[in-house]
Amino acid sequence: MAESVSGDATSGIFEPLKPPFQALSDTNEGPLIMVVSIPMIAVACLTVLVKSWTAYGTTRRLGVSDATAISAMALGIGYTIALNQSVQQGLGRAAVELDESMNEALGKSYLTSSILLVLALACAKATVIVFIINIKPQRLVRLASFAILGASVLWGVASAIAIALQCGPNRWVMGPDSNNTCVNQRAMQVAIRASDALLDVAIVMLPVFMMVQVQTSSSKRFWVITLFATRIITPILTGITIATLSDFYNASNEDRPFQAVTPAIWTSVALGLSMITACIPCIKRFLADWASGLSHAMINESFEMEHTASGSRTRNQEYASGSGWHGSLVSKLRMSRLGGAEVSSKSFGRTQDSERGVHPERAKGHSEDTSDSVKGLVDGVIIKTTDWRIDYEDAERTSIDGNGSTDSGHGTVPKTIR
């Protein structure tokens, strides 16, 4: 009886787990590529989605910078899928575990991943450059930005074509053999990666020249430069990748799948960080909003009418107009006004101007003529308001008519209370 129960338990409750997709061993290091590439692309995709959602919540539309970031995300996902498919086909395995039938499928997947890699990197570069152009910097910086943008696009297209045509007649082979010839693959890859690093360094230098001539505090200038300077990590990783290519290209075709593990890992990390650092300057407002807790608090209309002395005051006043997409949550929490201060990231509106005696049409024209740079100077400021109330008190008044008689009456004398 005990044996039957034990047998039923083993076959029913304690079923053996399915074998893993890949088993790490001395002759198979392919799982290391999967462990690194998948989390990196996942974090990069989340960063791109946050950037796009923040931009849409603020402007209700997606710009060119968002389109290039989404394109980089799509190409990065394609690169990761092709690279992991290469692992399934034998990438990372020693020559003793490979057979002839796996070479073609492995070569095609690896070639596809290499082409998608350079295209994704080019889109990530374009994301940063277009964002800088949208800031409308000085003329020389703008011209340099367009030049670097054109160089990045040309680099991506030329690198993809060079990688696709590096060997022949079979394009998918990983190296030259008796039936196929290849260009100097190592020299080609060093040239491609070195150009990649130089373009990233040039992109990092653009904000430095842009902020030198901006009249602002040193702390703000430092933080803006720092946000863009986080991209300096990508050329460093690219240099490490170049150093790891020597073992790969010095190995024979049979050993190259095993020697490709280290370059593939560093390349995946470089791609993920390239996409992340491209989005960091764009999500600065999102990070600042959530660092302060709540970024878009609004006064519920019925709540304000109930708790204010006069119903003529502005309804649904905004405390801070951050990314704008989670204001409804705060509105449901019925956030009330605290004191006489309110935080605003917009230019002064019609209601605030009317309270200060400014004509609405003039205020409207002033708001429309305000440039982006001026709006940035008042973004996130704290505005202190003062409420005024006018009461009327009854006072006796004595008047003398033409006959010399007096008439006593009541009038109203305005009294201003601050």
Protein backbone atom coordinates (compact mmCIF):
# COMPACT_ATOMS: atom_id res chain seq x y z
CA MET A 1 0.00 0.00 0.00
CA ALA A 2 2.78 2.38 0.93
CA GLU A 3 4.54 1.55 -2.28
CA SER A 4 1.46 2.32 -4.36
CA VAL A 5 0.91 5.65 -2.59
CA SER A 6 4.56 6.54 -3.05
CA GLY A 7 4.37 5.61 -6.70
CA ASP A 8 1.22 7.67 -7.24
CA ALA A 9 2.76 10.63 -5.46
CA THR A 10 5.88 10.44 -7.56
CA SER A 11 3.96 10.30 -10.81
CA GLY A 12 1.26 12.80 -9.82
CA ILE A 13 2.43 15.48 -7.42
CA PHE A 14 6.17 15.28 -7.81
CA GLU A 15 6.42 15.27 -11.58
CA PRO A 16 9.95 15.86 -12.87
CA LEU A 17 10.67 19.32 -14.28
CA LYS A 18 11.16 19.77 -17.98
CA PRO A 19 14.79 20.01 -19.07
CA PRO A 20 16.18 23.54 -19.54
CA PHE A 21 16.55 25.04 -23.00
CA GLN A 22 20.32 25.12 -22.59
CA ALA A 23 22.64 23.54 -20.07
CA LEU A 24 25.79 25.44 -19.14
CA SER A 25 28.91 23.30 -19.36
CA ASP A 26 32.57 23.48 -20.26
CA THR A 27 31.72 22.83 -23.90
CA ASN A 28 28.56 24.98 -24.07
CA GLU A 29 28.64 28.59 -22.87
CA GLY A 30 25.71 29.70 -25.01
CA PRO A 31 23.34 30.13 -22.01
CA LEU A 32 25.51 32.99 -20.78
CA ILE A 33 24.51 34.96 -23.87
CA MET A 34 20.83 34.38 -23.12
CA VAL A 35 21.21 35.34 -19.47
CA VAL A 36 22.77 38.69 -20.39
CA SER A 37 21.01 39.69 -23.61
CA ILE A 38 17.39 39.11 -22.55
CA PRO A 39 17.44 41.20 -19.31
CA MET A 40 19.37 43.98 -21.03
CA ILE A 41 16.88 44.33 -23.87
CA ALA A 42 13.99 44.12 -21.39
CA VAL A 43 15.30 47.05 -19.34
CA ALA A 44 16.06 49.00 -22.51
CA CYS A 45 12.52 48.46 -23.82
CA LEU A 46 11.00 49.62 -20.53
CA THR A 47 13.10 52.79 -20.71
CA VAL A 48 11.97 53.48 -24.27
CA LEU A 49 8.32 52.93 -23.32
CA VAL A 50 8.64 55.32 -20.38
CA LYS A 51 10.19 57.94 -22.66
CA SER A 52 7.45 57.59 -25.26
CA TRP A 53 4.65 57.60 -22.69
CA THR A 54 6.09 60.67 -20.96
CA ALA A 55 6.34 62.54 -24.26
CA TYR A 56 2.79 61.59 -25.23
CA GLY A 57 1.44 62.55 -21.82
CA THR A 58 3.04 65.98 -22.11
CA THR A 59 2.40 66.92 -25.77
CA ARG A 60 -0.31 64.41 -26.76
CA ARG A 61 1.80 63.34 -29.71
CA LEU A 62 4.98 61.46 -30.52
CA GLY A 63 7.87 63.25 -32.18
CA VAL A 64 10.74 62.17 -34.39
CA SER A 65 12.90 61.40 -31.35
CA ASP A 66 10.23 59.01 -30.05
CA ALA A 67 9.94 57.33 -33.46
CA THR A 68 13.70 56.69 -33.62
CA ALA A 69 13.68 55.35 -30.06
CA ILE A 70 10.83 52.96 -30.88
CA SER A 71 12.69 51.89 -34.03
CA ALA A 72 15.80 51.18 -31.96
CA MET A 73 13.67 49.14 -29.57
CA ALA A 74 12.16 47.08 -32.40
CA LEU A 75 15.56 46.46 -34.01
CA GLY A 76 17.06 45.64 -30.60
CA ILE A 77 14.35 43.06 -29.99
CA GLY A 78 15.03 41.58 -33.41
CA TYR A 79 18.75 41.44 -32.64
CA THR A 80 18.13 39.65 -29.35
CA ILE A 81 15.79 37.13 -30.96
CA ALA A 82 18.26 36.38 -33.76
CA LEU A 83 21.15 36.10 -31.28
CA ASN A 84 19.26 33.70 -29.02
CA GLN A 85 18.21 31.72 -32.06
CA SER A 86 21.90 31.42 -32.88
CA VAL A 87 22.46 30.00 -29.39
CA GLN A 88 19.80 27.39 -30.09
CA GLN A 89 21.60 26.54 -33.33
CA GLY A 90 24.98 26.05 -31.65
CA LEU A 91 26.49 29.47 -30.84
CA GLY A 92 28.65 29.09 -27.76
CA ARG A 93 29.30 25.39 -28.22
CA ALA A 94 32.67 23.76 -28.76
CA ALA A 95 33.48 22.14 -32.08
CA VAL A 96 32.97 18.63 -30.63
CA GLU A 97 29.26 19.38 -30.08
CA LEU A 98 28.61 20.85 -33.52
CA ASP A 99 27.74 18.98 -36.66
CA GLU A 100 27.70 20.01 -40.29
CA SER A 101 23.93 20.41 -40.46
CA MET A 102 23.94 23.19 -37.82
CA ASN A 103 26.42 25.48 -39.56
CA GLU A 104 24.06 27.00 -42.11
CA ALA A 105 21.26 27.81 -39.65
CA LEU A 106 23.79 29.15 -37.14
CA GLY A 107 25.51 31.32 -39.74
CA LYS A 108 22.25 32.84 -41.01
CA SER A 109 21.00 33.70 -37.52
CA TYR A 110 24.32 35.20 -36.48
CA LEU A 111 24.55 37.26 -39.68
CA THR A 112 21.03 38.58 -39.13
CA SER A 113 21.83 39.60 -35.56
CA SER A 114 24.96 41.46 -36.71
CA ILE A 115 23.01 43.47 -39.29
CA LEU A 116 20.21 44.35 -36.86
CA LEU A 117 22.80 45.37 -34.27
CA VAL A 118 24.30 48.24 -36.28
CA LEU A 119 20.88 49.46 -37.36
CA ALA A 120 19.67 49.53 -33.74
CA LEU A 121 22.79 51.42 -32.66
CA ALA A 122 22.27 53.97 -35.43
CA CYS A 123 18.66 54.57 -34.33
CA ALA A 124 19.78 55.01 -30.72
CA LYS A 125 22.27 57.67 -31.82
CA ALA A 126 19.59 59.42 -33.86
CA THR A 127 17.33 59.54 -30.80
CA VAL A 128 19.82 61.63 -28.83
CA ILE A 129 20.76 63.89 -31.74
CA VAL A 130 17.16 64.66 -32.71
CA PHE A 131 16.38 65.46 -29.08
CA ILE A 132 19.26 67.97 -29.03
CA ILE A 133 18.05 69.51 -32.29
CA ASN A 134 14.55 69.92 -30.83
CA ILE A 135 16.00 71.99 -28.00
CA LYS A 136 16.96 74.56 -30.68
CA PRO A 137 20.55 75.23 -29.61
CA GLN A 138 22.93 77.77 -31.08
CA ARG A 139 23.46 77.76 -34.83
CA LEU A 140 26.89 76.11 -34.75
CA VAL A 141 25.68 73.39 -32.39
CA ARG A 142 22.62 72.82 -34.58
CA LEU A 143 24.75 72.48 -37.70
CA ALA A 144 27.08 70.08 -35.90
CA SER A 145 24.07 68.06 -34.75
CA PHE A 146 22.80 67.69 -38.30
CA ALA A 147 26.27 66.68 -39.47
CA ILE A 148 26.59 64.00 -36.77
CA LEU A 149 23.06 62.81 -37.50
CA GLY A 150 23.90 62.35 -41.17
CA ALA A 151 27.15 60.59 -40.29
CA SER A 152 25.28 58.23 -37.93
CA VAL A 153 22.72 57.32 -40.58
CA LEU A 154 25.46 56.81 -43.18
CA TRP A 155 27.44 54.70 -40.69
CA GLY A 156 24.46 52.46 -39.96
CA VAL A 157 23.57 51.85 -43.61
CA ALA A 158 27.17 51.35 -44.75
CA SER A 159 27.96 48.99 -41.86
CA ALA A 160 24.87 46.88 -42.50
CA ILE A 161 25.78 46.53 -46.19
CA ALA A 162 29.42 45.71 -45.40
CA ILE A 163 28.44 43.01 -42.90
CA ALA A 164 25.91 41.48 -45.28
CA LEU A 165 28.46 41.27 -48.12
CA GLN A 166 31.59 40.36 -46.16
CA CYS A 167 31.70 36.75 -47.42
CA GLY A 168 30.66 34.95 -50.56
CA PRO A 169 29.25 33.19 -52.41
CA ASN A 170 27.57 31.95 -49.19
CA ARG A 171 26.92 35.13 -47.21
CA TRP A 172 26.12 33.33 -44.00
CA VAL A 173 29.48 31.66 -43.36
CA MET A 174 31.33 32.84 -40.25
CA GLY A 175 34.72 32.84 -41.95
CA PRO A 176 36.62 31.93 -45.11
CA ASP A 177 36.95 28.31 -46.13
CA SER A 178 37.75 26.27 -49.19
CA ASN A 179 34.49 27.28 -50.90
CA ASN A 180 34.02 30.85 -49.66
CA THR A 181 36.16 33.94 -49.45
CA CYS A 182 35.78 36.86 -47.04
CA VAL A 183 37.20 40.31 -46.62
CA ASN A 184 39.48 41.05 -43.70
CA GLN A 185 36.71 40.59 -41.15
CA ARG A 186 38.66 41.71 -38.13
CA ALA A 187 39.77 44.97 -39.78
CA MET A 188 36.20 45.61 -40.93
CA GLN A 189 34.76 45.05 -37.45
CA VAL A 190 37.41 47.22 -35.81
CA ALA A 191 36.62 50.03 -38.26
CA ILE A 192 32.87 49.70 -37.64
CA ARG A 193 33.20 49.61 -33.85
CA ALA A 194 35.76 52.41 -33.73
CA SER A 195 33.49 54.64 -35.83
CA ASP A 196 30.66 53.76 -33.49
CA ALA A 197 32.70 54.89 -30.48
CA LEU A 198 33.82 58.13 -32.13
CA LEU A 199 30.25 59.06 -33.02
CA ASP A 200 29.16 58.47 -29.42
CA VAL A 201 31.97 60.70 -28.14
CA ALA A 202 30.90 63.43 -30.57
CA ILE A 203 27.29 63.11 -29.36
CA VAL A 204 28.41 63.50 -25.74
CA MET A 205 30.33 66.67 -26.61
CA LEU A 206 27.35 68.38 -28.26
CA PRO A 207 25.54 69.25 -24.99
CA VAL A 208 28.80 70.58 -23.52
CA PHE A 209 29.14 73.20 -26.28
CA MET A 210 25.39 73.84 -26.14
CA MET A 211 25.34 74.61 -22.39
CA VAL A 212 28.49 76.77 -22.36
CA GLN A 213 26.61 79.73 -23.83
CA VAL A 214 23.37 79.22 -21.87
CA GLN A 215 22.87 81.75 -19.09
CA THR A 216 21.91 79.59 -16.14
CA SER A 217 23.32 78.47 -12.84
CA SER A 218 26.34 76.21 -12.69
CA SER A 219 24.38 73.46 -10.97
CA LYS A 220 21.74 73.33 -13.73
CA ARG A 221 24.42 73.40 -16.40
CA PHE A 222 26.21 70.55 -14.65
CA TRP A 223 23.10 68.39 -14.41
CA VAL A 224 22.14 68.88 -18.05
CA ILE A 225 25.63 67.93 -19.18
CA THR A 226 25.63 64.95 -16.81
CA LEU A 227 22.37 63.60 -18.22
CA PHE A 228 23.85 63.51 -21.70
CA ALA A 229 27.30 62.44 -20.47
CA THR A 230 25.92 59.12 -19.22
CA ARG A 231 26.29 58.00 -22.82
CA ILE A 232 30.07 58.00 -22.41
CA ILE A 233 29.71 54.45 -21.09
CA THR A 234 28.85 53.18 -24.60
CA PRO A 235 32.22 53.95 -26.28
CA ILE A 236 33.96 52.39 -23.28
CA LEU A 237 31.99 49.17 -23.74
CA THR A 238 32.63 49.34 -27.48
CA GLY A 239 36.38 49.48 -26.78
CA ILE A 240 36.09 46.39 -24.58
CA THR A 241 34.22 44.62 -27.36
CA ILE A 242 36.97 45.44 -29.86
CA ALA A 243 39.54 43.94 -27.48
CA THR A 244 37.59 40.66 -27.30
CA LEU A 245 37.34 40.26 -31.08
CA SER A 246 40.94 39.04 -31.49
CA ASP A 247 40.27 35.56 -30.07
CA PHE A 248 37.18 35.21 -32.24
CA TYR A 249 38.81 36.07 -35.55
CA ASN A 250 42.07 34.25 -34.79
CA ALA A 251 40.16 30.98 -34.24
CA SER A 252 39.25 28.52 -36.98
CA ASN A 253 35.73 28.38 -38.39
CA GLU A 254 34.95 25.33 -36.25
CA ASP A 255 35.99 27.11 -33.03
CA ARG A 256 34.46 30.51 -33.79
CA PRO A 257 31.00 29.67 -32.37
CA PHE A 258 32.63 28.93 -29.00
CA GLN A 259 34.86 32.03 -29.13
CA ALA A 260 31.89 34.27 -30.00
CA VAL A 261 30.44 34.15 -26.47
CA THR A 262 32.49 36.96 -24.94
CA PRO A 263 32.07 39.44 -27.84
CA ALA A 264 28.33 38.69 -27.99
CA ILE A 265 27.91 39.39 -24.25
CA TRP A 266 29.72 42.72 -24.36
CA THR A 267 27.89 43.70 -27.54
CA SER A 268 24.50 42.99 -25.94
CA VAL A 269 25.42 45.10 -22.91
CA ALA A 270 26.62 47.94 -25.15
CA LEU A 271 23.40 47.90 -27.18
CA GLY A 272 21.18 47.90 -24.09
CA LEU A 273 23.04 50.78 -22.46
CA SER A 274 23.10 52.70 -25.73
CA MET A 275 19.29 52.59 -25.83
CA ILE A 276 18.96 53.42 -22.13
CA THR A 277 21.34 56.37 -22.17
CA ALA A 278 19.61 57.70 -25.29
CA CYS A 279 16.38 58.01 -23.28
CA ILE A 280 17.74 59.32 -19.96
CA PRO A 281 17.76 63.03 -20.94
CA CYS A 282 14.21 62.69 -22.27
CA ILE A 283 12.75 61.15 -19.09
CA LYS A 284 14.33 63.66 -16.70
CA ARG A 285 10.91 65.17 -15.95
CA PHE A 286 9.43 61.74 -15.30
CA LEU A 287 12.21 60.91 -12.84
CA ALA A 288 11.84 64.30 -11.12
CA ASP A 289 8.07 63.90 -10.85
CA TRP A 290 8.23 60.52 -9.19
CA ALA A 291 11.12 61.56 -6.98
CA SER A 292 8.87 64.25 -5.49
CA GLY A 293 6.00 61.81 -4.94
CA LEU A 294 3.14 63.26 -6.94
CA SER A 295 3.58 65.52 -9.92
CA HIS A 296 0.11 66.46 -11.07
CA ALA A 297 -2.27 67.32 -8.25
CA MET A 298 -5.59 68.88 -9.18
CA ILE A 299 -8.35 70.32 -7.05
CA ASN A 300 -11.68 68.60 -7.51
CA GLU A 301 -14.35 71.15 -8.47
CA SER A 302 -16.97 70.07 -5.92
CA PHE A 303 -14.29 69.86 -3.24
CA GLU A 304 -13.11 73.39 -3.93
CA MET A 305 -16.64 74.82 -4.04
CA GLU A 306 -17.31 73.22 -0.69
CA HIS A 307 -14.15 74.27 1.13
CA THR A 308 -13.40 77.73 -0.29
CA ALA A 309 -14.95 80.96 0.92
CA SER A 310 -15.86 82.06 -2.58
CA GLY A 311 -16.76 79.97 -5.56
CA SER A 312 -15.35 82.46 -8.02
CA ARG A 313 -11.80 81.25 -7.60
CA THR A 314 -10.17 79.16 -10.22
CA ARG A 315 -11.33 75.59 -10.40
CA ASN A 316 -9.18 72.56 -11.13
CA GLN A 317 -5.98 74.47 -10.45
CA GLU A 318 -2.86 72.57 -11.27
CA TYR A 319 -0.18 72.26 -8.66
CA ALA A 320 2.36 70.82 -11.03
CA SER A 321 2.03 69.88 -14.62
CA GLY A 322 4.52 67.06 -14.91
CA SER A 323 4.14 64.25 -17.37
CA GLY A 324 0.35 64.68 -17.05
CA TRP A 325 -0.72 61.10 -17.33
CA HIS A 326 -1.35 60.27 -13.68
CA GLY A 327 -3.27 63.42 -12.72
CA SER A 328 -6.56 61.56 -12.62
CA LEU A 329 -5.22 59.36 -9.84
CA VAL A 330 -4.36 62.37 -7.72
CA SER A 331 -7.71 63.96 -8.56
CA LYS A 332 -9.48 60.89 -7.22
CA LEU A 333 -7.51 61.25 -4.01
CA ARG A 334 -9.08 64.75 -3.64
CA MET A 335 -5.83 66.58 -3.07
CA SER A 336 -6.60 69.92 -1.42
CA ARG A 337 -4.73 73.15 -1.68
CA LEU A 338 -2.06 73.69 0.96
CA GLY A 339 -1.42 77.26 2.07
CA GLY A 340 -1.00 79.97 -0.50
CA ALA A 341 1.65 78.39 -2.66
CA GLU A 342 1.23 76.35 -5.77
CA VAL A 343 3.78 74.67 -8.00
CA SER A 344 3.47 75.20 -11.71
CA SER A 345 5.50 74.05 -14.67
CA LYS A 346 3.53 76.11 -17.16
CA SER A 347 3.71 79.76 -18.05
CA PHE A 348 1.29 81.95 -16.14
CA GLY A 349 -2.25 81.29 -17.25
CA ARG A 350 -5.14 83.65 -17.90
CA THR A 351 -6.59 83.28 -14.39
CA GLN A 352 -3.35 84.19 -12.65
CA ASP A 353 -2.84 87.17 -14.97
CA SER A 354 -6.38 88.40 -14.39
CA GLU A 355 -5.86 88.25 -10.62
CA ARG A 356 -2.84 90.53 -11.05
CA GLY A 357 -4.76 92.98 -13.26
CA VAL A 358 -3.31 91.90 -16.60
CA HIS A 359 -5.65 92.01 -19.56
CA PRO A 360 -6.54 88.47 -20.78
CA GLU A 361 -5.74 89.27 -24.42
CA ARG A 362 -2.33 90.65 -23.51
CA ALA A 363 -1.69 87.65 -21.32
CA LYS A 364 -2.68 85.34 -24.14
CA GLY A 365 -0.37 87.07 -26.57
CA HIS A 366 2.45 86.98 -24.07
CA SER A 367 1.92 83.26 -23.54
CA GLU A 368 1.93 82.54 -27.26
CA ASP A 369 5.08 84.57 -27.85
CA THR A 370 6.98 82.86 -25.09
CA SER A 371 9.82 80.79 -26.53
CA ASP A 372 10.71 77.30 -25.43
CA SER A 373 13.83 78.53 -23.67
CA VAL A 374 11.83 81.04 -21.61
CA LYS A 375 9.28 78.37 -20.73
CA GLY A 376 12.11 76.19 -19.52
CA LEU A 377 13.30 78.94 -17.17
CA VAL A 378 9.93 79.04 -15.37
CA ASP A 379 9.41 75.29 -15.48
CA GLY A 380 8.79 73.83 -12.05
CA VAL A 381 8.91 77.17 -10.19
CA ILE A 382 6.96 77.82 -6.98
CA ILE A 383 4.49 80.67 -7.28
CA LYS A 384 3.34 82.38 -4.11
CA THR A 385 -0.12 83.91 -4.41
CA THR A 386 -1.88 86.46 -2.21
CA ASP A 387 -5.65 86.46 -1.83
CA TRP A 388 -7.57 89.77 -1.53
CA ARG A 389 -11.07 90.31 -0.19
CA ILE A 390 -13.10 93.54 -0.33
CA ASP A 391 -15.81 94.10 2.27
CA TYR A 392 -18.24 97.03 2.51
CA GLU A 393 -19.10 98.63 5.87
CA ASP A 394 -22.10 100.88 6.58
CA ALA A 395 -21.15 104.43 7.61
CA GLU A 396 -23.27 107.44 8.45
CA ARG A 397 -23.22 110.23 5.94
CA THR A 398 -24.48 113.83 6.43
CA SER A 399 -25.35 115.96 3.44
CA ILE A 400 -26.46 119.62 3.23
CA ASP A 401 -29.03 120.56 0.67
CA GLY A 402 -29.47 123.92 -1.00
CA ASN A 403 -31.81 125.26 1.76
CA GLY A 404 -29.25 124.63 4.43
CA SER A 405 -31.10 121.64 5.87
CA THR A 406 -29.26 118.53 6.73
CA ASP A 407 -30.11 114.99 5.68
CA SER A 408 -28.68 112.00 7.40
CA GLY A 409 -28.31 108.78 5.42
CA HIS A 410 -26.27 105.62 5.05
CA GLY A 411 -23.71 104.77 2.47
CA THR A 412 -21.09 102.16 1.86
CA VAL A 413 -17.44 102.70 2.42
CA PRO A 414 -15.13 100.15 0.81
CA LYS A 415 -12.58 98.55 3.02
CA THR A 416 -9.75 96.51 1.68
CA ILE A 417 -8.53 93.62 3.74
CA ARG A 418 -5.38 91.82 2.72
